[in-house]
């Protein structure tokens, strides 16, 4: 599958699942424990966006020609903090209103983002000579775990 087509497919699955979760449950997770997880996810996502230059931003996993490897802020500990934020926020919303369909949707999102990050990491390793060393000292989604 061509790179651009694969990128769009992964992004469409991701946003399709997020739309499904948004349309089938509340956008504010309750009880308070799930709300705190949702707020932490939003904070992590905003922090990750704040340290990434705007011209580097893209929902597609492809590397931009004018990009640079970001290794500060949350990227110091995890290589894909925006994916972590999406997964945690979606988990909070799913757990706040669990149904078999919503739980299955969250797992599909998890698989999609893991496939997407592996695809993206191949592209990043090809684009940035320092990426393999960065990958060795950081975790993909969860600090100190994975």
Foldseek 3Di string as FASTA:
>chain_A
DDLVVLQVVLLCLLVVLVVVLVVPFPLQFDDPVLNVLLVVLVVLLVQVVVQADPVQDDSGLAGDPPHDQDCDGCNVAAVCSNLLSSLSNLVSSCVRPPDPVSVVSSVSNVVSVVVRQVSSLVNVVVVDVCSVVSPVNYHHHDGPPD
